[in-house]
C-alpha atoms as a PDB file:
ATOM      1  CA  MET A   1      76.622 104.657 100.290  1.00  0.00           C
ATOM      2  CA  SER A   2      78.068 103.412  97.008  1.00  0.00           C
ATOM      3  CA  LYS A   3      80.580 100.617  96.594  1.00  0.00           C
ATOM      4  CA  VAL A   4      83.265 100.236  93.948  1.00  0.00           C
ATOM      5  CA  GLY A   5      85.460  97.210  93.232  1.00  0.00           C
ATOM      6  CA  VAL A   6      88.927  98.170  91.987  1.00  0.00           C
ATOM      7  CA  ASN A   7      91.799  95.987  90.793  1.00  0.00           C
ATOM      8  CA  PHE A   8      95.344  97.268  91.242  1.00  0.00           C
ATOM      9  CA  LYS A   9      98.432  96.389  89.279  1.00  0.00           C
ATOM     10  CA  ILE A  10     101.748  97.790  90.503  1.00  0.00           C
ATOM     11  CA  ASP A  11     105.349  97.472  89.385  1.00  0.00           C
ATOM     12  CA  VAL A  12     106.990  96.522  92.692  1.00  0.00           C
ATOM     13  CA  THR A  13     110.452  97.309  91.286  1.00  0.00           C
ATOM     14  CA  LYS A  14     109.435 101.001  91.301  1.00  0.00           C
ATOM     15  CA  LEU A  15     108.654 101.011  95.045  1.00  0.00           C
ATOM     16  CA  ASP A  16     111.067 103.105  97.108  1.00  0.00           C
ATOM     17  CA  LYS A  17     112.060 100.680  99.877  1.00  0.00           C
ATOM     18  CA  SER A  18     113.186 103.571 102.094  1.00  0.00           C
ATOM     19  CA  ARG A  19     109.485 104.476 102.434  1.00  0.00           C
ATOM     20  CA  PHE A  20     108.559 101.028 103.825  1.00  0.00           C
ATOM     21  CA  PHE A  21     107.703 100.829 107.519  1.00  0.00           C
ATOM     22  CA  VAL A  22     107.281  97.987 109.979  1.00  0.00           C
ATOM     23  CA  GLY A  23     103.911  97.543 111.662  1.00  0.00           C
ATOM     24  CA  LYS A  24     102.503  95.007 114.100  1.00  0.00           C
ATOM     25  CA  LYS A  25     101.758  92.398 111.418  1.00  0.00           C
ATOM     26  CA  GLY A  26     104.306  93.050 108.687  1.00  0.00           C
ATOM     27  CA  THR A  27     106.162  95.537 106.531  1.00  0.00           C
ATOM     28  CA  TYR A  28     104.007  98.101 104.753  1.00  0.00           C
ATOM     29  CA  ALA A  29     104.082 100.661 101.956  1.00  0.00           C
ATOM     30  CA  ASP A  30     101.598 103.539 101.921  1.00  0.00           C
ATOM     31  CA  LEU A  31     100.135 104.028  98.449  1.00  0.00           C
ATOM     32  CA  THR A  32      97.748 106.564  96.942  1.00  0.00           C
ATOM     33  CA  VAL A  33      95.326 105.802  94.121  1.00  0.00           C
ATOM     34  CA  PHE A  34      93.625 108.402  91.947  1.00  0.00           C
ATOM     35  CA  VAL A  35      90.377 106.995  90.495  1.00  0.00           C
ATOM     36  CA  ASP A  36      88.383 108.448  87.614  1.00  0.00           C
ATOM     37  CA  SER A  37      84.916 107.244  86.671  1.00  0.00           C
ATOM     38  CA  GLU A  38      85.845 107.342  82.971  1.00  0.00           C
ATOM     39  CA  PRO A  39      88.444 104.844  81.730  1.00  0.00           C
ATOM     40  CA  SER A  40      91.525 106.126  79.914  1.00  0.00           C
ATOM     41  CA  GLN A  41      92.339 105.213  76.327  1.00  0.00           C
ATOM     42  CA  PHE A  42      94.090 102.135  77.778  1.00  0.00           C
ATOM     43  CA  GLY A  43      91.060 101.022  79.833  1.00  0.00           C
ATOM     44  CA  ASP A  44      92.473 102.037  83.232  1.00  0.00           C
ATOM     45  CA  ASN A  45      90.470 104.136  85.676  1.00  0.00           C
ATOM     46  CA  GLY A  46      93.361 105.534  87.631  1.00  0.00           C
ATOM     47  CA  MET A  47      96.965 105.506  88.671  1.00  0.00           C
ATOM     48  CA  ILE A  48      98.862 104.530  91.800  1.00  0.00           C
ATOM     49  CA  VAL A  49     101.784 106.353  93.430  1.00  0.00           C
ATOM     50  CA  GLU A  50     103.554 106.001  96.748  1.00  0.00           C
ATOM     51  CA  GLN A  51     102.033 108.282  99.356  1.00  0.00           C
ATOM     52  CA  SER A  52     103.827 111.605  99.622  1.00  0.00           C
ATOM     53  CA  THR A  53     104.629 113.426 102.850  1.00  0.00           C
ATOM     54  CA  LYS A  54     103.137 116.816 103.708  1.00  0.00           C
ATOM     55  CA  GLU A  55     106.531 118.407 103.034  1.00  0.00           C
ATOM     56  CA  GLU A  56     106.718 116.781  99.591  1.00  0.00           C
ATOM     57  CA  ARG A  57     103.203 117.990  98.750  1.00  0.00           C
ATOM     58  CA  ASP A  58     104.057 121.517  99.968  1.00  0.00           C
ATOM     59  CA  GLN A  59     107.147 121.517  97.727  1.00  0.00           C
ATOM     60  CA  GLY A  60     105.182 120.208  94.736  1.00  0.00           C
ATOM     61  CA  VAL A  61     107.159 116.947  94.529  1.00  0.00           C
ATOM     62  CA  LYS A  62     105.560 114.533  92.047  1.00  0.00           C
ATOM     63  CA  LEU A  63     106.216 110.884  92.853  1.00  0.00           C
ATOM     64  CA  PRO A  64     106.496 108.412  89.955  1.00  0.00           C
ATOM     65  CA  LYS A  65     103.529 106.366  88.806  1.00  0.00           C
ATOM     66  CA  ILE A  66     103.966 102.792  90.022  1.00  0.00           C
ATOM     67  CA  GLY A  67     100.781 101.223  88.718  1.00  0.00           C
ATOM     68  CA  ASN A  68      97.231 101.347  87.415  1.00  0.00           C
ATOM     69  CA  ALA A  69      93.756 100.904  88.864  1.00  0.00           C
ATOM     70  CA  THR A  70      90.787  99.432  87.013  1.00  0.00           C
ATOM     71  CA  ILE A  71      87.187  99.448  88.221  1.00  0.00           C
ATOM     72  CA  PHE A  72      85.734  95.975  87.756  1.00  0.00           C
ATOM     73  CA  TRP A  73      82.415  96.470  89.566  1.00  0.00           C
ATOM     74  CA  SER A  74      80.287  99.227  91.059  1.00  0.00           C
ATOM     75  CA  ASP A  75      76.769  99.872  92.241  1.00  0.00           C
ATOM     76  CA  ALA A  76      77.288 103.631  91.707  1.00  0.00           C
ATOM     77  CA  PRO A  77      75.964 104.970  88.381  1.00  0.00           C
ATOM     78  CA  GLU A  78      78.938 107.328  87.947  1.00  0.00           C
ATOM     79  CA  PHE A  79      81.316 104.342  87.945  1.00  0.00           C
ATOM     80  CA  GLN A  80      79.327 102.090  85.614  1.00  0.00           C
ATOM     81  CA  GLN A  81      81.334 101.043  82.590  1.00  0.00           C
ATOM     82  CA  PRO A  82      79.682 101.590  79.203  1.00  0.00           C
ATOM     83  CA  LYS A  83      78.302  98.448  77.584  1.00  0.00           C
ATOM     84  CA  GLY A  84      79.551  97.519  74.145  1.00  0.00           C
ATOM     85  CA  ASP A  85      82.288  95.667  72.316  1.00  0.00           C
ATOM     86  CA  SER A  86      85.091  97.931  73.553  1.00  0.00           C
ATOM     87  CA  ALA A  87      84.217  97.815  77.255  1.00  0.00           C
ATOM     88  CA  PRO A  88      85.200  94.803  79.356  1.00  0.00           C
ATOM     89  CA  GLU A  89      82.295  93.044  81.022  1.00  0.00           C
ATOM     90  CA  ALA A  90      82.012  93.699  84.752  1.00  0.00           C
ATOM     91  CA  LEU A  91      82.612  90.705  86.972  1.00  0.00           C
ATOM     92  CA  PRO A  92      79.595  89.668  89.067  1.00  0.00           C
ATOM     93  CA  VAL A  93      79.917  90.345  92.765  1.00  0.00           C
ATOM     94  CA  ASP A  94      77.301  88.380  94.665  1.00  0.00           C
ATOM     95  CA  ASP A  95      78.526  88.757  98.220  1.00  0.00           C
ATOM     96  CA  PHE A  96      80.222  92.129  98.541  1.00  0.00           C
ATOM     97  CA  ASP A  97      81.310  92.183 102.185  1.00  0.00           C
ATOM     98  CA  ASP A  98      79.918  95.160 104.113  1.00  0.00           C
ATOM     99  CA  ASP A  99      82.270  94.351 107.000  1.00  0.00           C
ATOM    100  CA  VAL A 100      85.566  95.003 105.185  1.00  0.00           C
ATOM    101  CA  PRO A 101      88.032  95.805 107.988  1.00  0.00           C
ATOM    102  CA  PHE A 102      89.485  98.916 106.330  1.00  0.00           C
END
């Protein structure tokens, strides 16, 4: 099993507060991230949107992009960033936790 470390940056002002829901330990927003192994021209590996409902997907509703995702580390060859002056150096991850609770 491969592991990938991803940083997320979202514009919280674009979140639709009507989609928030209350859980046992707080108020939550369901988000969806699309990750590509190749970085875009801006260095991002993906985009983040609020999670759509089945009805919205069936109707072809496209939710607005609220943020970006960037891979900072991976042990999977398909997610390795190219080495060179233009690629940011991957951060070392010494103790990647196999017991992440999600």
